[in-house]
C-alpha atoms as a PDB file:
ATOM      1  CA  TYR A   1     -65.505  48.005  28.804  1.00  0.00           C
ATOM      2  CA  LYS A   2     -67.255  46.657  31.882  1.00  0.00           C
ATOM      3  CA  THR A   3     -69.643  44.537  29.916  1.00  0.00           C
ATOM      4  CA  TRP A   4     -69.292  40.809  30.142  1.00  0.00           C
ATOM      5  CA  TRP A   5     -68.763  40.380  26.401  1.00  0.00           C
ATOM      6  CA  PHE A   6     -65.892  42.897  26.370  1.00  0.00           C
ATOM      7  CA  ILE A   7     -64.233  41.220  29.357  1.00  0.00           C
ATOM      8  CA  GLY A   8     -64.710  37.836  27.693  1.00  0.00           C
ATOM      9  CA  LEU A   9     -63.234  39.168  24.450  1.00  0.00           C
ATOM     10  CA  CYS A  10     -60.193  40.513  26.303  1.00  0.00           C
ATOM     11  CA  PHE A  11     -59.756  37.180  28.055  1.00  0.00           C
ATOM     12  CA  LEU A  12     -59.900  35.352  24.741  1.00  0.00           C
ATOM     13  CA  PHE A  13     -57.402  37.828  23.251  1.00  0.00           C
ATOM     14  CA  ILE A  14     -54.994  37.284  26.158  1.00  0.00           C
ATOM     15  CA  LEU A  15     -55.458  33.522  25.912  1.00  0.00           C
ATOM     16  CA  ALA A  16     -54.859  33.631  22.146  1.00  0.00           C
ATOM     17  CA  SER A  17     -51.749  35.787  22.671  1.00  0.00           C
ATOM     18  CA  VAL A  18     -50.325  33.346  25.229  1.00  0.00           C
ATOM     19  CA  PHE A  19     -51.119  30.448  22.942  1.00  0.00           C
ATOM     20  CA  GLY A  20     -49.498  32.274  20.008  1.00  0.00           C
ATOM     21  CA  VAL A  21     -46.349  32.978  21.993  1.00  0.00           C
ATOM     22  CA  LEU A  22     -46.135  29.361  23.140  1.00  0.00           C
ATOM     23  CA  GLU A  23     -46.751  28.116  19.611  1.00  0.00           C
ATOM     24  CA  TYR A  24     -44.039  30.445  18.244  1.00  0.00           C
ATOM     25  CA  GLN A  25     -41.595  29.225  20.883  1.00  0.00           C
ATOM     26  CA  LEU A  26     -42.391  25.622  19.962  1.00  0.00           C
ATOM     27  CA  TYR A  27     -41.901  26.493  16.287  1.00  0.00           C
ATOM     28  CA  ARG A  28     -38.538  28.131  17.027  1.00  0.00           C
ATOM     29  CA  SER A  29     -37.548  25.131  19.149  1.00  0.00           C
ATOM     30  CA  ARG A  30     -38.414  22.735  16.314  1.00  0.00           C
ATOM     31  CA  GLN A  31     -36.460  24.899  13.854  1.00  0.00           C
ATOM     32  CA  GLN A  32     -33.434  24.930  16.140  1.00  0.00           C
ATOM     33  CA  LYS A  33     -33.725  21.184  16.673  1.00  0.00           C
ATOM     34  CA  ASN A  34     -33.917  20.561  12.927  1.00  0.00           C
ATOM     35  CA  GLU A  35     -30.937  22.849  12.311  1.00  0.00           C
ATOM     36  CA  LEU A  36     -28.964  21.085  15.025  1.00  0.00           C
ATOM     37  CA  GLN A  37     -29.826  17.690  13.543  1.00  0.00           C
ATOM     38  CA  ARG A  38     -28.767  18.948  10.120  1.00  0.00           C
ATOM     39  CA  GLN A  39     -25.444  20.168  11.517  1.00  0.00           C
ATOM     40  CA  VAL A  40     -24.886  16.920  13.417  1.00  0.00           C
ATOM     41  CA  LYS A  41     -25.680  14.902  10.289  1.00  0.00           C
ATOM     42  CA  ALA A  42     -23.339  17.029   8.170  1.00  0.00           C
ATOM     43  CA  ARG A  43     -20.582  16.818  10.806  1.00  0.00           C
ATOM     44  CA  THR A  44     -21.040  13.048  11.116  1.00  0.00           C
ATOM     45  CA  ALA A  45     -20.756  12.633   7.354  1.00  0.00           C
ATOM     46  CA  GLU A  46     -17.643  14.828   7.385  1.00  0.00           C
ATOM     47  CA  LEU A  47     -16.106  12.738  10.180  1.00  0.00           C
ATOM     48  CA  GLU A  48     -16.954   9.524   8.333  1.00  0.00           C
ATOM     49  CA  ARG A  49     -15.234  10.857   5.203  1.00  0.00           C
ATOM     50  CA  ALA A  50     -12.204  11.879   7.259  1.00  0.00           C
ATOM     51  CA  MET A  51     -12.130   8.468   8.970  1.00  0.00           C
ATOM     52  CA  LYS A  52     -12.381   6.682   5.619  1.00  0.00           C
ATOM     53  CA  LYS A  53      -9.537   8.782   4.227  1.00  0.00           C
ATOM     54  CA  SER A  54      -7.480   8.109   7.352  1.00  0.00           C
ATOM     55  CA  ASP A  55      -8.116   4.362   7.036  1.00  0.00           C
ATOM     56  CA  GLU A  56      -7.155   4.441   3.366  1.00  0.00           C
ATOM     57  CA  LEU A  57      -3.917   6.249   4.186  1.00  0.00           C
ATOM     58  CA  LEU A  58      -3.175   3.746   6.967  1.00  0.00           C
ATOM     59  CA  LEU A  59      -3.822   0.798   4.642  1.00  0.00           C
ATOM     60  CA  ASN A  60      -1.470   2.436   2.159  1.00  0.00           C
ATOM     61  CA  ILE A  61       1.280   2.061   4.760  1.00  0.00           C
ATOM     62  CA  LEU A  62       0.376  -1.132   6.606  1.00  0.00           C
ATOM     63  CA  PRO A  63      -1.196  -4.517   5.847  1.00  0.00           C
ATOM     64  CA  GLU A  64      -4.881  -4.579   6.786  1.00  0.00           C
ATOM     65  CA  GLU A  65      -4.405  -6.965   9.722  1.00  0.00           C
ATOM     66  CA  THR A  66      -1.641  -4.804  11.223  1.00  0.00           C
ATOM     67  CA  ALA A  67      -3.614  -1.594  10.632  1.00  0.00           C
ATOM     68  CA  GLU A  68      -6.653  -2.997  12.476  1.00  0.00           C
ATOM     69  CA  GLU A  69      -4.463  -4.125  15.381  1.00  0.00           C
ATOM     70  CA  LEU A  70      -2.850  -0.689  15.567  1.00  0.00           C
ATOM     71  CA  LYS A  71      -6.247   1.088  15.592  1.00  0.00           C
ATOM     72  CA  LYS A  72      -7.649  -1.244  18.242  1.00  0.00           C
ATOM     73  CA  PHE A  73      -4.716  -1.449  20.665  1.00  0.00           C
ATOM     74  CA  GLY A  74      -2.533   1.528  19.716  1.00  0.00           C
ATOM     75  CA  LYS A  75       0.331  -0.804  18.832  1.00  0.00           C
ATOM     76  CA  ALA A  76       1.009  -3.897  16.757  1.00  0.00           C
ATOM     77  CA  LYS A  77       3.150  -6.864  17.758  1.00  0.00           C
ATOM     78  CA  ALA A  78       5.987  -8.066  15.571  1.00  0.00           C
ATOM     79  CA  LYS A  79       5.218 -11.453  14.022  1.00  0.00           C
ATOM     80  CA  ARG A  80       7.139 -14.262  12.411  1.00  0.00           C
ATOM     81  CA  HIS A  81       5.943 -15.266   8.939  1.00  0.00           C
ATOM     82  CA  GLN A  82       7.072 -18.435   7.242  1.00  0.00           C
ATOM     83  CA  PRO A  83       7.342 -19.105   4.458  1.00  0.00           C
ATOM     84  CA  VAL A  84       7.169 -15.878   2.469  1.00  0.00           C
ATOM     85  CA  THR A  85       8.679 -14.902  -0.870  1.00  0.00           C
ATOM     86  CA  VAL A  86      10.644 -11.648  -1.088  1.00  0.00           C
ATOM     87  CA  LEU A  87      11.148  -9.739  -4.339  1.00  0.00           C
ATOM     88  CA  PHE A  88      13.800  -7.051  -4.833  1.00  0.00           C
ATOM     89  CA  THR A  89      14.349  -4.864  -7.885  1.00  0.00           C
ATOM     90  CA  ASP A  90      16.747  -2.089  -8.730  1.00  0.00           C
ATOM     91  CA  PHE A  91      17.831  -0.189 -11.823  1.00  0.00           C
ATOM     92  CA  LYS A  92      21.212  -0.882 -13.392  1.00  0.00           C
ATOM     93  CA  GLY A  93      23.124   2.264 -14.301  1.00  0.00           C
ATOM     94  CA  PHE A  94      20.690   4.393 -12.314  1.00  0.00           C
ATOM     95  CA  THR A  95      23.322   6.874 -11.122  1.00  0.00           C
ATOM     96  CA  GLN A  96      24.683   7.483 -14.621  1.00  0.00           C
ATOM     97  CA  ILE A  97      21.242   8.087 -16.125  1.00  0.00           C
ATOM     98  CA  ALA A  98      20.153  10.224 -13.167  1.00  0.00           C
ATOM     99  CA  GLU A  99      23.068  12.595 -13.756  1.00  0.00           C
ATOM    100  CA  HIS A 100      21.632  13.532 -17.172  1.00  0.00           C
ATOM    101  CA  LEU A 101      18.051  14.158 -15.981  1.00  0.00           C
ATOM    102  CA  GLU A 102      16.460  17.161 -14.352  1.00  0.00           C
ATOM    103  CA  PRO A 103      15.162  16.472 -10.813  1.00  0.00           C
ATOM    104  CA  GLU A 104      11.530  16.635 -11.991  1.00  0.00           C
ATOM    105  CA  GLU A 105      12.237  14.225 -14.853  1.00  0.00           C
ATOM    106  CA  LEU A 106      14.021  11.767 -12.574  1.00  0.00           C
ATOM    107  CA  VAL A 107      11.232  11.699  -9.977  1.00  0.00           C
ATOM    108  CA  ALA A 108       8.568  11.436 -12.683  1.00  0.00           C
ATOM    109  CA  GLU A 109      10.381   8.498 -14.299  1.00  0.00           C
ATOM    110  CA  ILE A 110      10.787   6.587 -11.027  1.00  0.00           C
ATOM    111  CA  ASP A 111       7.200   7.355 -10.053  1.00  0.00           C
ATOM    112  CA  TYR A 112       5.901   6.064 -13.387  1.00  0.00           C
ATOM    113  CA  CYS A 113       7.812   2.798 -13.017  1.00  0.00           C
ATOM    114  CA  PHE A 114       6.895   2.217  -9.374  1.00  0.00           C
ATOM    115  CA  ARG A 115       3.217   2.995  -9.968  1.00  0.00           C
ATOM    116  CA  ASN A 116       3.153   0.266 -12.576  1.00  0.00           C
ATOM    117  CA  PHE A 117       5.001  -2.100 -10.245  1.00  0.00           C
ATOM    118  CA  ASP A 118       2.329  -1.358  -7.604  1.00  0.00           C
ATOM    119  CA  ALA A 119      -0.441  -2.238 -10.064  1.00  0.00           C
ATOM    120  CA  ILE A 120       1.278  -5.506 -10.987  1.00  0.00           C
ATOM    121  CA  ILE A 121       1.824  -6.755  -7.441  1.00  0.00           C
ATOM    122  CA  ASP A 122      -1.731  -5.754  -6.448  1.00  0.00           C
ATOM    123  CA  LYS A 123      -3.003  -8.283  -9.005  1.00  0.00           C
ATOM    124  CA  TYR A 124      -1.258 -11.046  -7.077  1.00  0.00           C
ATOM    125  CA  ASN A 125      -2.022  -9.804  -3.517  1.00  0.00           C
ATOM    126  CA  ILE A 126       1.639  -9.110  -2.835  1.00  0.00           C
ATOM    127  CA  GLU A 127       2.471  -6.654  -0.040  1.00  0.00           C
ATOM    128  CA  LYS A 128       4.650  -3.697  -0.961  1.00  0.00           C
ATOM    129  CA  ILE A 129       7.144  -3.039   1.821  1.00  0.00           C
ATOM    130  CA  LYS A 130       9.177  -0.020   0.751  1.00  0.00           C
ATOM    131  CA  THR A 131      11.256   1.756  -1.840  1.00  0.00           C
ATOM    132  CA  ILE A 132      14.774   2.994  -1.159  1.00  0.00           C
ATOM    133  CA  GLY A 133      16.057   5.234  -3.915  1.00  0.00           C
ATOM    134  CA  ASP A 134      15.748   3.142  -7.063  1.00  0.00           C
ATOM    135  CA  ALA A 135      15.183  -0.125  -5.150  1.00  0.00           C
ATOM    136  CA  TYR A 136      11.706  -1.656  -4.810  1.00  0.00           C
ATOM    137  CA  MET A 137      10.840  -4.374  -2.287  1.00  0.00           C
ATOM    138  CA  CYS A 138       7.683  -6.436  -1.828  1.00  0.00           C
ATOM    139  CA  VAL A 139       6.732  -9.675  -0.069  1.00  0.00           C
ATOM    140  CA  GLY A 140       4.222 -12.388  -0.902  1.00  0.00           C
ATOM    141  CA  GLY A 141       2.645 -14.383   1.948  1.00  0.00           C
ATOM    142  CA  ILE A 142       2.166 -11.509   4.411  1.00  0.00           C
ATOM    143  CA  PRO A 143      -0.006 -11.462   6.423  1.00  0.00           C
ATOM    144  CA  THR A 144      -1.723 -14.608   5.087  1.00  0.00           C
ATOM    145  CA  PRO A 145       0.417 -17.533   3.888  1.00  0.00           C
ATOM    146  CA  ASP A 146      -0.604 -19.322   0.704  1.00  0.00           C
ATOM    147  CA  SER A 147       0.884 -22.347  -1.034  1.00  0.00           C
ATOM    148  CA  ASP A 148       0.958 -20.616  -4.425  1.00  0.00           C
ATOM    149  CA  VAL A 149       2.675 -17.432  -3.180  1.00  0.00           C
ATOM    150  CA  PRO A 150       6.075 -18.277  -4.774  1.00  0.00           C
ATOM    151  CA  GLN A 151       4.408 -18.760  -8.173  1.00  0.00           C
ATOM    152  CA  LYS A 152       2.532 -15.467  -7.834  1.00  0.00           C
ATOM    153  CA  VAL A 153       5.682 -13.561  -6.894  1.00  0.00           C
ATOM    154  CA  VAL A 154       7.609 -15.024  -9.835  1.00  0.00           C
ATOM    155  CA  LEU A 155       4.717 -14.171 -12.172  1.00  0.00           C
ATOM    156  CA  ALA A 156       4.781 -10.604 -10.846  1.00  0.00           C
ATOM    157  CA  ALA A 157       8.564 -10.505 -11.351  1.00  0.00           C
ATOM    158  CA  LEU A 158       8.176 -11.590 -14.975  1.00  0.00           C
ATOM    159  CA  GLU A 159       5.487  -8.955 -15.573  1.00  0.00           C
ATOM    160  CA  ILE A 160       7.724  -6.271 -14.092  1.00  0.00           C
ATOM    161  CA  ARG A 161      10.580  -7.459 -16.301  1.00  0.00           C
ATOM    162  CA  ASP A 162       8.385  -7.375 -19.412  1.00  0.00           C
ATOM    163  CA  PHE A 163       6.983  -3.952 -18.510  1.00  0.00           C
ATOM    164  CA  MET A 164      10.489  -2.509 -18.274  1.00  0.00           C
ATOM    165  CA  LYS A 165      11.497  -4.223 -21.519  1.00  0.00           C
ATOM    166  CA  ASN A 166       8.533  -2.689 -23.378  1.00  0.00           C
ATOM    167  CA  LEU A 167       9.226   0.698 -21.800  1.00  0.00           C
ATOM    168  CA  ALA A 168      12.858   0.546 -22.924  1.00  0.00           C
ATOM    169  CA  GLU A 169      11.764  -0.178 -26.503  1.00  0.00           C
ATOM    170  CA  LYS A 170       9.413   2.819 -26.500  1.00  0.00           C
ATOM    171  CA  ARG A 171      12.097   5.071 -25.025  1.00  0.00           C
ATOM    172  CA  SER A 172      14.693   3.927 -27.571  1.00  0.00           C
ATOM    173  CA  HIS A 173      12.386   4.895 -30.460  1.00  0.00           C
ATOM    174  CA  SER A 174      12.304   8.412 -28.990  1.00  0.00           C
ATOM    175  CA  GLY A 175      16.058   8.476 -28.481  1.00  0.00           C
ATOM    176  CA  LYS A 176      15.694   8.511 -24.687  1.00  0.00           C
ATOM    177  CA  ASP A 177      17.558   6.517 -22.067  1.00  0.00           C
ATOM    178  CA  CYS A 178      15.643   4.027 -19.940  1.00  0.00           C
ATOM    179  CA  PHE A 179      16.433   2.199 -16.739  1.00  0.00           C
ATOM    180  CA  GLU A 180      17.469  -1.462 -17.013  1.00  0.00           C
ATOM    181  CA  ILE A 181      16.008  -3.584 -14.240  1.00  0.00           C
ATOM    182  CA  ARG A 182      17.488  -6.407 -12.191  1.00  0.00           C
ATOM    183  CA  ILE A 183      15.195  -8.630 -10.141  1.00  0.00           C
ATOM    184  CA  GLY A 184      15.933 -11.090  -7.328  1.00  0.00           C
ATOM    185  CA  VAL A 185      13.586 -13.501  -5.512  1.00  0.00           C
ATOM    186  CA  HIS A 186      14.054 -15.757  -2.465  1.00  0.00           C
ATOM    187  CA  THR A 187      11.716 -17.765  -0.229  1.00  0.00           C
ATOM    188  CA  GLY A 188      12.039 -18.277   3.536  1.00  0.00           C
ATOM    189  CA  GLY A 189      10.976 -16.920   6.919  1.00  0.00           C
ATOM    190  CA  VAL A 190      10.927 -13.283   8.060  1.00  0.00           C
ATOM    191  CA  ILE A 191       9.978 -11.213  11.087  1.00  0.00           C
ATOM    192  CA  ALA A 192       7.624  -8.342  10.287  1.00  0.00           C
ATOM    193  CA  GLY A 193       6.561  -5.375  12.376  1.00  0.00           C
ATOM    194  CA  ILE A 194       6.375  -1.609  12.820  1.00  0.00           C
ATOM    195  CA  VAL A 195       9.393   0.459  13.804  1.00  0.00           C
ATOM    196  CA  GLY A 196       9.432   3.997  15.168  1.00  0.00           C
ATOM    197  CA  THR A 197       6.698   6.346  16.362  1.00  0.00           C
ATOM    198  CA  LYS A 198       7.115   9.167  13.831  1.00  0.00           C
ATOM    199  CA  LYS A 199       6.765   8.373  10.141  1.00  0.00           C
ATOM    200  CA  PHE A 200       6.580   4.754  11.263  1.00  0.00           C
ATOM    201  CA  GLN A 201       7.172   2.042   8.734  1.00  0.00           C
ATOM    202  CA  TYR A 202       6.140  -1.576   8.337  1.00  0.00           C
ATOM    203  CA  ASP A 203       9.271  -3.591   7.624  1.00  0.00           C
ATOM    204  CA  VAL A 204      10.634  -7.132   7.463  1.00  0.00           C
ATOM    205  CA  TRP A 205      13.909  -8.566   8.749  1.00  0.00           C
ATOM    206  CA  GLY A 206      15.875 -11.798   8.541  1.00  0.00           C
ATOM    207  CA  ASP A 207      18.254 -13.815   6.379  1.00  0.00           C
ATOM    208  CA  THR A 208      15.522 -14.221   3.771  1.00  0.00           C
ATOM    209  CA  VAL A 209      15.610 -10.481   3.098  1.00  0.00           C
ATOM    210  CA  ASN A 210      19.415 -10.517   2.845  1.00  0.00           C
ATOM    211  CA  VAL A 211      19.399 -13.466   0.440  1.00  0.00           C
ATOM    212  CA  ALA A 212      16.703 -11.849  -1.739  1.00  0.00           C
ATOM    213  CA  ALA A 213      18.859  -8.717  -1.930  1.00  0.00           C
ATOM    214  CA  ARG A 214      21.813 -10.947  -2.861  1.00  0.00           C
ATOM    215  CA  MET A 215      19.715 -12.525  -5.633  1.00  0.00           C
ATOM    216  CA  GLU A 216      18.970  -9.074  -7.028  1.00  0.00           C
ATOM    217  CA  GLY A 217      22.594  -7.974  -6.794  1.00  0.00           C
ATOM    218  CA  ASN A 218      23.712 -11.152  -8.575  1.00  0.00           C
ATOM    219  CA  SER A 219      21.096 -10.778 -11.321  1.00  0.00           C
ATOM    220  CA  GLU A 220      21.590  -9.221 -14.742  1.00  0.00           C
ATOM    221  CA  SER A 221      19.723  -6.558 -16.724  1.00  0.00           C
ATOM    222  CA  GLY A 222      16.275  -7.743 -17.756  1.00  0.00           C
ATOM    223  CA  LYS A 223      16.593 -10.978 -15.755  1.00  0.00           C
ATOM    224  CA  VAL A 224      14.691 -12.581 -12.880  1.00  0.00           C
ATOM    225  CA  ASN A 225      17.183 -14.345 -10.616  1.00  0.00           C
ATOM    226  CA  ILE A 226      15.779 -16.784  -8.036  1.00  0.00           C
ATOM    227  CA  SER A 227      17.346 -18.858  -5.279  1.00  0.00           C
ATOM    228  CA  GLY A 228      17.362 -22.642  -5.086  1.00  0.00           C
ATOM    229  CA  ALA A 229      14.749 -22.441  -2.299  1.00  0.00           C
ATOM    230  CA  THR A 230      12.322 -20.625  -4.582  1.00  0.00           C
ATOM    231  CA  TYR A 231      13.239 -22.824  -7.566  1.00  0.00           C
ATOM    232  CA  LYS A 232      12.162 -25.985  -5.693  1.00  0.00           C
ATOM    233  CA  LEU A 233       8.696 -24.473  -5.221  1.00  0.00           C
ATOM    234  CA  VAL A 234       8.178 -23.151  -8.767  1.00  0.00           C
ATOM    235  CA  LYS A 235      10.191 -25.496 -11.016  1.00  0.00           C
ATOM    236  CA  ASN A 236       7.058 -27.272 -12.266  1.00  0.00           C
ATOM    237  CA  TYR A 237       5.530 -23.995 -13.466  1.00  0.00           C
ATOM    238  CA  PHE A 238       8.391 -22.082 -15.100  1.00  0.00           C
ATOM    239  CA  LYS A 239      11.281 -22.686 -17.433  1.00  0.00           C
ATOM    240  CA  CYS A 240      14.445 -21.909 -15.491  1.00  0.00           C
ATOM    241  CA  GLU A 241      18.162 -21.885 -16.276  1.00  0.00           C
ATOM    242  CA  HIS A 242      20.628 -23.044 -13.620  1.00  0.00           C
ATOM    243  CA  ARG A 243      23.473 -20.537 -13.296  1.00  0.00           C
ATOM    244  CA  GLY A 244      25.624 -22.251 -10.677  1.00  0.00           C
ATOM    245  CA  LYS A 245      26.167 -21.153  -7.097  1.00  0.00           C
ATOM    246  CA  VAL A 246      26.741 -17.851  -5.298  1.00  0.00           C
ATOM    247  CA  THR A 247      27.819 -17.146  -1.734  1.00  0.00           C
ATOM    248  CA  ALA A 248      25.212 -15.576   0.546  1.00  0.00           C
ATOM    249  CA  LYS A 249      25.830 -14.209   4.034  1.00  0.00           C
ATOM    250  CA  ASN A 250      25.007 -16.778   6.758  1.00  0.00           C
ATOM    251  CA  LYS A 251      23.913 -19.251   4.061  1.00  0.00           C
ATOM    252  CA  GLY A 252      27.127 -20.293   2.355  1.00  0.00           C
ATOM    253  CA  GLU A 253      26.839 -21.278  -1.279  1.00  0.00           C
ATOM    254  CA  ILE A 254      23.345 -21.495  -2.768  1.00  0.00           C
ATOM    255  CA  ASP A 255      22.081 -22.430  -6.233  1.00  0.00           C
ATOM    256  CA  VAL A 256      20.715 -19.650  -8.419  1.00  0.00           C
ATOM    257  CA  TYR A 257      18.480 -19.737 -11.488  1.00  0.00           C
ATOM    258  CA  PHE A 258      17.240 -17.376 -14.165  1.00  0.00           C
ATOM    259  CA  VAL A 259      13.499 -17.646 -14.820  1.00  0.00           C
ATOM    260  CA  GLU A 260      12.953 -17.507 -18.576  1.00  0.00           C
ATOM    261  CA  ARG A 261       9.190 -17.878 -18.811  1.00  0.00           C
END
């Protein structure tokens, strides 16, 4: 054991052992680094999916421009939009029909109708504002105004009318009741913004909203009732029937028309 070759062999063994330990530590370090990178990558992908879902939910509630402003600044300013075209619908005889339906049937029926309304207005880039019970409200021209917005809203109104007409025919063949729809449309200026901090809602206010609601209330089953203001903008594109005048709050008497086609 005192020979030079034995001492040299021991030295080489010790050197190899140290090198092996260092190499193993480097290997373990690389493994840990790779595992950490894998976890970070997986977590990042998970966060991106969550962020995308969150954005989609936000865009389901707010117009894109308002959603981006809310994400960037934590709040969104109310804005005046003019002109816009407001569409209101509700179901005639809703209460009477609802009394004869089970809760699940009633919700399913409303959901089916409103989902189809959503699909129709999406085709024309119309912004859905809200539903209240059996009432459905949407606005064309928010957030971006467009000269052909009134025509698009009236086209959407006619499609909604025809959808409900076809649905009623199918229901009647099965001996089932079906909602009868009334639709009202008016064009003017509104103020739009977000109200509340919990379950906040994007909403619009102004005489235009009140007049549109008046147009719906003055309409008839299966009819699209528009104001004189909207008629002036769409009269070259649709066949309309003048019905006379109705009184609207803060507006006095205004002309009203049924849109036939």
